[in-house]
Amino acid sequence: MILVILLQRISIFFLFLIKLSIYIFCTSFIFSTIISAKIISVKLADRFLYSLILFGDFLRGIEIVELFNIVAFAVVGMGFGLASIFLPKYLGRYVSAIILIILVPIIFLTTQMVRYDIWVEQVANNENLSLDGAELLANSFLNQRVGNDGIYGFYLYTAQFPILPDKKVQMNNLDRLEKSVNSKFVSLIGVPPGVIYWAMSLCFWAIRIFYFVVAVVTTVAHFREGLRIVKC
């Protein structure tokens, strides 16, 4: 009798390990696939959309590629919801929810990480520098503009200015260019440069918050739908 109970417990344990392995495989596959898809979408947007003469900077400013988040986070939410069936009831729901809380911001910020790498590569190509040298130049520019470097500095800078200088001379002359543009705005519409700056920053931050809210809502809605389908 004791042996039978022991064998049952061992079989239950091994069955749990098998299901856990399947869960880890499925969620890892979903995560890696979405990250890869986002990287490809950002690179395609940078190559074909942001390079447009008239509308490229505008499309970059509103981060049009983030519309892909609707599909990406729908897949993530639904996938994790469905994968919860491989874990014990209720445990799968909570484990998947916790993992999503961690992964959603990472997936969302993938766009900025890729754009930062693309920018550094462009600086390297234009200035005939190594990637390390180009990154030092780019980070020096970011430090001067927003007081931070790396991806975080890039994130702050692009929330204020959609135009990314990819040559050293452009970085050095950016203040002069901004003053010229601001003076034209003042002469045309009579709005002080400071007002224009804060209006643009507010607009770009609002766009980013909107995209993030869309990502969260989409993930939650499809996660709940996935749980409903598998009845977890």
C-alpha atoms as a PDB file:
ATOM      1  CA  MET A   1       0.000   0.000   0.000  1.00  0.00           C
ATOM      2  CA  ILE A   2       2.779   2.402   0.938  1.00  0.00           C
ATOM      3  CA  LEU A   3       4.654   1.469  -2.229  1.00  0.00           C
ATOM      4  CA  VAL A   4       1.595   2.215  -4.351  1.00  0.00           C
ATOM      5  CA  ILE A   5       1.159   5.625  -2.732  1.00  0.00           C
ATOM      6  CA  LEU A   6       4.854   6.351  -3.207  1.00  0.00           C
ATOM      7  CA  LEU A   7       4.697   5.397  -6.879  1.00  0.00           C
ATOM      8  CA  GLN A   8       1.635   7.584  -7.354  1.00  0.00           C
ATOM      9  CA  ARG A   9       3.398  10.562  -5.825  1.00  0.00           C
ATOM     10  CA  ILE A  10       6.497   9.971  -7.922  1.00  0.00           C
ATOM     11  CA  SER A  11       4.403   9.735 -11.083  1.00  0.00           C
ATOM     12  CA  ILE A  12       2.549  12.934 -10.145  1.00  0.00           C
ATOM     13  CA  PHE A  13       5.864  14.673  -9.537  1.00  0.00           C
ATOM     14  CA  PHE A  14       7.312  13.563 -12.879  1.00  0.00           C
ATOM     15  CA  LEU A  15       4.105  14.555 -14.653  1.00  0.00           C
ATOM     16  CA  PHE A  16       4.408  17.990 -13.045  1.00  0.00           C
ATOM     17  CA  LEU A  17       8.019  18.270 -14.238  1.00  0.00           C
ATOM     18  CA  ILE A  18       6.998  17.341 -17.778  1.00  0.00           C
ATOM     19  CA  LYS A  19       4.202  19.911 -17.817  1.00  0.00           C
ATOM     20  CA  LEU A  20       6.486  22.525 -16.284  1.00  0.00           C
ATOM     21  CA  SER A  21       9.065  21.863 -19.002  1.00  0.00           C
ATOM     22  CA  ILE A  22       6.402  22.262 -21.677  1.00  0.00           C
ATOM     23  CA  TYR A  23       5.257  25.510 -20.045  1.00  0.00           C
ATOM     24  CA  ILE A  24       8.799  26.888 -19.955  1.00  0.00           C
ATOM     25  CA  PHE A  25       9.370  25.897 -23.579  1.00  0.00           C
ATOM     26  CA  CYS A  26       6.109  27.464 -24.779  1.00  0.00           C
ATOM     27  CA  THR A  27       6.541  30.743 -22.902  1.00  0.00           C
ATOM     28  CA  SER A  28      10.209  31.006 -23.891  1.00  0.00           C
ATOM     29  CA  PHE A  29       9.281  30.401 -27.517  1.00  0.00           C
ATOM     30  CA  ILE A  30       6.568  33.073 -27.375  1.00  0.00           C
ATOM     31  CA  PHE A  31       8.915  35.589 -25.761  1.00  0.00           C
ATOM     32  CA  SER A  32      11.808  34.979 -28.157  1.00  0.00           C
ATOM     33  CA  THR A  33       9.509  35.062 -31.184  1.00  0.00           C
ATOM     34  CA  ILE A  34       7.945  38.376 -30.179  1.00  0.00           C
ATOM     35  CA  ILE A  35      11.332  39.930 -29.411  1.00  0.00           C
ATOM     36  CA  SER A  36      12.632  38.806 -32.806  1.00  0.00           C
ATOM     37  CA  ALA A  37       9.526  40.152 -34.531  1.00  0.00           C
ATOM     38  CA  LYS A  38       9.889  43.512 -32.785  1.00  0.00           C
ATOM     39  CA  ILE A  39      13.561  43.765 -33.741  1.00  0.00           C
ATOM     40  CA  ILE A  40      12.708  43.048 -37.375  1.00  0.00           C
ATOM     41  CA  SER A  41       9.826  45.540 -37.379  1.00  0.00           C
ATOM     42  CA  VAL A  42      11.996  48.321 -35.918  1.00  0.00           C
ATOM     43  CA  LYS A  43      14.762  47.696 -38.446  1.00  0.00           C
ATOM     44  CA  LEU A  44      12.286  47.658 -41.325  1.00  0.00           C
ATOM     45  CA  ALA A  45      10.688  50.880 -40.100  1.00  0.00           C
ATOM     46  CA  ASP A  46      14.082  52.536 -39.776  1.00  0.00           C
ATOM     47  CA  ARG A  47      15.037  51.484 -43.275  1.00  0.00           C
ATOM     48  CA  PHE A  48      11.828  52.153 -45.178  1.00  0.00           C
ATOM     49  CA  LEU A  49       9.692  54.570 -43.117  1.00  0.00           C
ATOM     50  CA  TYR A  50      11.995  56.804 -41.103  1.00  0.00           C
ATOM     51  CA  SER A  51      14.175  57.472 -44.135  1.00  0.00           C
ATOM     52  CA  LEU A  52      11.334  59.168 -46.030  1.00  0.00           C
ATOM     53  CA  ILE A  53      12.287  62.743 -46.860  1.00  0.00           C
ATOM     54  CA  LEU A  54       9.065  64.487 -45.898  1.00  0.00           C
ATOM     55  CA  PHE A  55       7.496  62.309 -43.225  1.00  0.00           C
ATOM     56  CA  GLY A  56      10.357  60.224 -41.834  1.00  0.00           C
ATOM     57  CA  ASP A  57      11.108  62.376 -38.789  1.00  0.00           C
ATOM     58  CA  PHE A  58       7.405  62.760 -38.051  1.00  0.00           C
ATOM     59  CA  LEU A  59       6.835  58.998 -38.177  1.00  0.00           C
ATOM     60  CA  ARG A  60       9.877  58.481 -35.967  1.00  0.00           C
ATOM     61  CA  GLY A  61       8.590  61.088 -33.532  1.00  0.00           C
ATOM     62  CA  ILE A  62       5.217  59.405 -33.099  1.00  0.00           C
ATOM     63  CA  GLU A  63       6.990  56.020 -33.068  1.00  0.00           C
ATOM     64  CA  ILE A  64       4.605  54.580 -35.603  1.00  0.00           C
ATOM     65  CA  VAL A  65       6.228  51.150 -35.344  1.00  0.00           C
ATOM     66  CA  GLU A  66       4.728  50.808 -31.857  1.00  0.00           C
ATOM     67  CA  LEU A  67       1.387  50.091 -33.507  1.00  0.00           C
ATOM     68  CA  PHE A  68       2.840  46.611 -33.916  1.00  0.00           C
ATOM     69  CA  ASN A  69       2.407  46.322 -30.137  1.00  0.00           C
ATOM     70  CA  ILE A  70      -1.276  45.599 -30.615  1.00  0.00           C
ATOM     71  CA  VAL A  71      -0.449  42.356 -32.388  1.00  0.00           C
ATOM     72  CA  ALA A  72       2.671  41.549 -30.363  1.00  0.00           C
ATOM     73  CA  PHE A  73       1.097  41.922 -26.944  1.00  0.00           C
ATOM     74  CA  ALA A  74      -2.090  40.194 -28.042  1.00  0.00           C
ATOM     75  CA  VAL A  75       0.022  37.154 -28.932  1.00  0.00           C
ATOM     76  CA  VAL A  76       1.967  37.389 -25.670  1.00  0.00           C
ATOM     77  CA  GLY A  77      -1.139  37.685 -23.523  1.00  0.00           C
ATOM     78  CA  MET A  78      -3.032  34.925 -25.299  1.00  0.00           C
ATOM     79  CA  GLY A  79       0.015  32.665 -25.418  1.00  0.00           C
ATOM     80  CA  PHE A  80       0.757  32.928 -21.717  1.00  0.00           C
ATOM     81  CA  GLY A  81      -2.903  32.473 -20.904  1.00  0.00           C
ATOM     82  CA  LEU A  82      -3.119  29.279 -22.946  1.00  0.00           C
ATOM     83  CA  ALA A  83       0.213  28.001 -21.617  1.00  0.00           C
ATOM     84  CA  SER A  84      -1.134  28.229 -18.065  1.00  0.00           C
ATOM     85  CA  ILE A  85      -2.954  24.953 -18.686  1.00  0.00           C
ATOM     86  CA  PHE A  86       0.347  23.116 -18.196  1.00  0.00           C
ATOM     87  CA  LEU A  87       0.570  24.255 -14.576  1.00  0.00           C
ATOM     88  CA  PRO A  88      -1.766  23.366 -11.707  1.00  0.00           C
ATOM     89  CA  LYS A  89      -4.998  25.331 -11.710  1.00  0.00           C
ATOM     90  CA  TYR A  90      -4.726  28.838 -10.236  1.00  0.00           C
ATOM     91  CA  LEU A  91      -0.950  28.411  -9.849  1.00  0.00           C
ATOM     92  CA  GLY A  92      -0.566  28.772 -13.609  1.00  0.00           C
ATOM     93  CA  ARG A  93      -2.676  31.920 -13.575  1.00  0.00           C
ATOM     94  CA  TYR A  94      -0.534  33.616 -10.927  1.00  0.00           C
ATOM     95  CA  VAL A  95       2.812  32.441 -12.290  1.00  0.00           C
ATOM     96  CA  SER A  96       1.963  33.642 -15.797  1.00  0.00           C
ATOM     97  CA  ALA A  97       0.682  36.961 -14.461  1.00  0.00           C
ATOM     98  CA  ILE A  98       3.897  37.596 -12.522  1.00  0.00           C
ATOM     99  CA  ILE A  99       6.050  36.709 -15.528  1.00  0.00           C
ATOM    100  CA  LEU A 100       4.006  39.018 -17.751  1.00  0.00           C
ATOM    101  CA  ILE A 101       4.432  41.898 -15.307  1.00  0.00           C
ATOM    102  CA  ILE A 102       8.191  41.468 -15.752  1.00  0.00           C
ATOM    103  CA  LEU A 103       8.247  40.796 -19.493  1.00  0.00           C
ATOM    104  CA  VAL A 104       5.797  43.400 -20.801  1.00  0.00           C
ATOM    105  CA  PRO A 105       8.045  46.411 -19.992  1.00  0.00           C
ATOM    106  CA  ILE A 106      11.061  44.560 -21.415  1.00  0.00           C
ATOM    107  CA  ILE A 107       9.243  43.796 -24.657  1.00  0.00           C
ATOM    108  CA  PHE A 108       7.942  47.356 -24.821  1.00  0.00           C
ATOM    109  CA  LEU A 109      11.428  48.858 -24.401  1.00  0.00           C
ATOM    110  CA  THR A 110      12.903  46.591 -27.058  1.00  0.00           C
ATOM    111  CA  THR A 111      12.099  49.273 -29.628  1.00  0.00           C
ATOM    112  CA  GLN A 112      14.345  51.825 -27.941  1.00  0.00           C
ATOM    113  CA  MET A 113      17.138  49.293 -27.451  1.00  0.00           C
ATOM    114  CA  VAL A 114      17.147  48.412 -31.143  1.00  0.00           C
ATOM    115  CA  ARG A 115      16.892  52.042 -32.239  1.00  0.00           C
ATOM    116  CA  TYR A 116      19.851  52.921 -30.025  1.00  0.00           C
ATOM    117  CA  ASP A 117      21.947  50.159 -31.612  1.00  0.00           C
ATOM    118  CA  ILE A 118      20.925  51.281 -35.107  1.00  0.00           C
ATOM    119  CA  TRP A 119      21.863  54.869 -34.285  1.00  0.00           C
ATOM    120  CA  VAL A 120      25.291  53.857 -32.955  1.00  0.00           C
ATOM    121  CA  GLU A 121      25.884  51.801 -36.110  1.00  0.00           C
ATOM    122  CA  GLN A 122      24.965  54.801 -38.276  1.00  0.00           C
ATOM    123  CA  VAL A 123      27.379  57.015 -36.344  1.00  0.00           C
ATOM    124  CA  ALA A 124      30.092  54.377 -36.753  1.00  0.00           C
ATOM    125  CA  ASN A 125      29.524  54.155 -40.511  1.00  0.00           C
ATOM    126  CA  ASN A 126      29.376  57.916 -41.059  1.00  0.00           C
ATOM    127  CA  GLU A 127      32.439  58.706 -38.960  1.00  0.00           C
ATOM    128  CA  ASN A 128      34.459  55.587 -39.864  1.00  0.00           C
ATOM    129  CA  LEU A 129      34.644  54.584 -36.214  1.00  0.00           C
ATOM    130  CA  SER A 130      34.504  51.279 -34.430  1.00  0.00           C
ATOM    131  CA  LEU A 131      31.259  50.488 -32.647  1.00  0.00           C
ATOM    132  CA  ASP A 132      32.920  51.229 -29.308  1.00  0.00           C
ATOM    133  CA  GLY A 133      34.187  54.576 -30.575  1.00  0.00           C
ATOM    134  CA  ALA A 134      30.811  55.443 -32.055  1.00  0.00           C
ATOM    135  CA  GLU A 135      29.100  54.538 -28.796  1.00  0.00           C
ATOM    136  CA  LEU A 136      31.456  56.829 -26.875  1.00  0.00           C
ATOM    137  CA  LEU A 137      30.675  59.680 -29.272  1.00  0.00           C
ATOM    138  CA  ALA A 138      26.939  59.010 -29.101  1.00  0.00           C
ATOM    139  CA  ASN A 139      26.960  58.773 -25.313  1.00  0.00           C
ATOM    140  CA  SER A 140      28.957  61.986 -25.038  1.00  0.00           C
ATOM    141  CA  PHE A 141      26.305  63.713 -27.127  1.00  0.00           C
ATOM    142  CA  LEU A 142      23.498  62.281 -24.992  1.00  0.00           C
ATOM    143  CA  ASN A 143      25.237  63.371 -21.804  1.00  0.00           C
ATOM    144  CA  GLN A 144      25.464  66.913 -23.116  1.00  0.00           C
ATOM    145  CA  ARG A 145      21.826  66.979 -24.169  1.00  0.00           C
ATOM    146  CA  VAL A 146      19.968  65.139 -21.395  1.00  0.00           C
ATOM    147  CA  GLY A 147      22.572  64.359 -18.741  1.00  0.00           C
ATOM    148  CA  ASN A 148      22.379  60.591 -19.251  1.00  0.00           C
ATOM    149  CA  ASP A 149      23.921  58.172 -21.705  1.00  0.00           C
ATOM    150  CA  GLY A 150      23.222  54.706 -23.017  1.00  0.00           C
ATOM    151  CA  ILE A 151      19.747  53.434 -23.734  1.00  0.00           C
ATOM    152  CA  TYR A 152      18.249  55.482 -20.898  1.00  0.00           C
ATOM    153  CA  GLY A 153      19.760  58.696 -22.227  1.00  0.00           C
ATOM    154  CA  PHE A 154      18.616  57.771 -25.717  1.00  0.00           C
ATOM    155  CA  TYR A 155      15.105  57.149 -24.401  1.00  0.00           C
ATOM    156  CA  LEU A 156      15.009  60.572 -22.732  1.00  0.00           C
ATOM    157  CA  TYR A 157      16.472  62.374 -25.731  1.00  0.00           C
ATOM    158  CA  THR A 158      14.115  60.857 -28.297  1.00  0.00           C
ATOM    159  CA  ALA A 159      11.177  61.797 -26.090  1.00  0.00           C
ATOM    160  CA  GLN A 160      12.158  65.429 -26.671  1.00  0.00           C
ATOM    161  CA  PHE A 161      13.695  65.492 -30.147  1.00  0.00           C
ATOM    162  CA  PRO A 162      12.714  63.135 -32.979  1.00  0.00           C
ATOM    163  CA  ILE A 163      15.780  64.071 -35.047  1.00  0.00           C
ATOM    164  CA  LEU A 164      18.865  61.949 -34.394  1.00  0.00           C
ATOM    165  CA  PRO A 165      22.167  63.416 -35.618  1.00  0.00           C
ATOM    166  CA  ASP A 166      24.362  60.615 -36.916  1.00  0.00           C
ATOM    167  CA  LYS A 167      27.427  62.706 -37.735  1.00  0.00           C
ATOM    168  CA  LYS A 168      29.771  64.545 -35.404  1.00  0.00           C
ATOM    169  CA  VAL A 169      29.329  67.831 -37.252  1.00  0.00           C
ATOM    170  CA  GLN A 170      25.556  67.523 -36.875  1.00  0.00           C
ATOM    171  CA  MET A 171      25.923  66.907 -33.153  1.00  0.00           C
ATOM    172  CA  ASN A 172      28.142  69.970 -32.792  1.00  0.00           C
ATOM    173  CA  ASN A 173      25.815  72.182 -34.825  1.00  0.00           C
ATOM    174  CA  LEU A 174      22.560  70.946 -33.333  1.00  0.00           C
ATOM    175  CA  ASP A 175      22.168  73.952 -31.028  1.00  0.00           C
ATOM    176  CA  ARG A 176      22.552  76.299 -33.977  1.00  0.00           C
ATOM    177  CA  LEU A 177      20.014  74.301 -35.986  1.00  0.00           C
ATOM    178  CA  GLU A 178      17.502  74.338 -33.135  1.00  0.00           C
ATOM    179  CA  LYS A 179      17.880  78.093 -32.691  1.00  0.00           C
ATOM    180  CA  SER A 180      17.305  78.578 -36.404  1.00  0.00           C
ATOM    181  CA  VAL A 181      14.196  76.392 -36.371  1.00  0.00           C
ATOM    182  CA  ASN A 182      12.876  78.067 -33.228  1.00  0.00           C
ATOM    183  CA  SER A 183      13.353  81.529 -34.697  1.00  0.00           C
ATOM    184  CA  LYS A 184      11.355  80.479 -37.753  1.00  0.00           C
ATOM    185  CA  PHE A 185       8.557  79.190 -35.519  1.00  0.00           C
ATOM    186  CA  VAL A 186       8.541  82.446 -33.572  1.00  0.00           C
ATOM    187  CA  SER A 187       8.387  84.519 -36.745  1.00  0.00           C
ATOM    188  CA  LEU A 188       5.621  82.356 -38.224  1.00  0.00           C
ATOM    189  CA  ILE A 189       3.293  81.745 -35.287  1.00  0.00           C
ATOM    190  CA  GLY A 190       4.659  84.007 -32.577  1.00  0.00           C
ATOM    191  CA  VAL A 191       5.108  81.195 -30.041  1.00  0.00           C
ATOM    192  CA  PRO A 192       8.202  81.361 -27.787  1.00  0.00           C
ATOM    193  CA  PRO A 193      10.757  78.546 -28.251  1.00  0.00           C
ATOM    194  CA  GLY A 194      10.279  77.344 -24.677  1.00  0.00           C
ATOM    195  CA  VAL A 195       6.587  76.756 -25.270  1.00  0.00           C
ATOM    196  CA  ILE A 196       7.337  74.812 -28.446  1.00  0.00           C
ATOM    197  CA  TYR A 197       9.909  72.679 -26.620  1.00  0.00           C
ATOM    198  CA  TRP A 198       7.582  71.768 -23.761  1.00  0.00           C
ATOM    199  CA  ALA A 199       4.664  71.179 -26.117  1.00  0.00           C
ATOM    200  CA  MET A 200       6.720  68.746 -28.197  1.00  0.00           C
ATOM    201  CA  SER A 201       8.045  66.951 -25.114  1.00  0.00           C
ATOM    202  CA  LEU A 202       4.565  66.650 -23.657  1.00  0.00           C
ATOM    203  CA  CYS A 203       3.240  65.338 -26.952  1.00  0.00           C
ATOM    204  CA  PHE A 204       5.961  62.705 -27.352  1.00  0.00           C
ATOM    205  CA  TRP A 205       5.658  61.522 -23.735  1.00  0.00           C
ATOM    206  CA  ALA A 206       1.881  61.326 -24.104  1.00  0.00           C
ATOM    207  CA  ILE A 207       2.339  59.169 -27.199  1.00  0.00           C
ATOM    208  CA  ARG A 208       4.674  56.824 -25.332  1.00  0.00           C
ATOM    209  CA  ILE A 209       2.323  56.538 -22.372  1.00  0.00           C
ATOM    210  CA  PHE A 210      -0.543  55.846 -24.751  1.00  0.00           C
ATOM    211  CA  TYR A 211       1.377  53.057 -26.487  1.00  0.00           C
ATOM    212  CA  PHE A 212       2.333  51.515 -23.145  1.00  0.00           C
ATOM    213  CA  VAL A 213      -1.261  51.621 -21.915  1.00  0.00           C
ATOM    214  CA  VAL A 214      -2.357  49.961 -25.155  1.00  0.00           C
ATOM    215  CA  ALA A 215       0.292  47.274 -24.631  1.00  0.00           C
ATOM    216  CA  VAL A 216      -0.826  46.588 -21.059  1.00  0.00           C
ATOM    217  CA  VAL A 217      -4.552  46.575 -21.850  1.00  0.00           C
ATOM    218  CA  THR A 218      -4.032  44.337 -24.881  1.00  0.00           C
ATOM    219  CA  THR A 219      -1.928  41.893 -22.867  1.00  0.00           C
ATOM    220  CA  VAL A 220      -4.377  41.721 -19.968  1.00  0.00           C
ATOM    221  CA  ALA A 221      -7.422  41.309 -22.199  1.00  0.00           C
ATOM    222  CA  HIS A 222      -5.915  38.481 -24.242  1.00  0.00           C
ATOM    223  CA  PHE A 223      -4.354  36.857 -21.174  1.00  0.00           C
ATOM    224  CA  ARG A 224      -7.781  36.659 -19.564  1.00  0.00           C
ATOM    225  CA  GLU A 225      -9.221  35.299 -22.792  1.00  0.00           C
ATOM    226  CA  GLY A 226      -6.538  32.620 -22.891  1.00  0.00           C
ATOM    227  CA  LEU A 227      -7.308  31.658 -19.294  1.00  0.00           C
ATOM    228  CA  ARG A 228     -10.991  31.495 -20.134  1.00  0.00           C
ATOM    229  CA  ILE A 229     -10.336  29.145 -23.048  1.00  0.00           C
ATOM    230  CA  VAL A 230      -8.296  26.699 -20.962  1.00  0.00           C
ATOM    231  CA  LYS A 231     -10.495  27.311 -17.890  1.00  0.00           C
ATOM    232  CA  CYS A 232      -7.637  28.130 -15.521  1.00  0.00           C
END
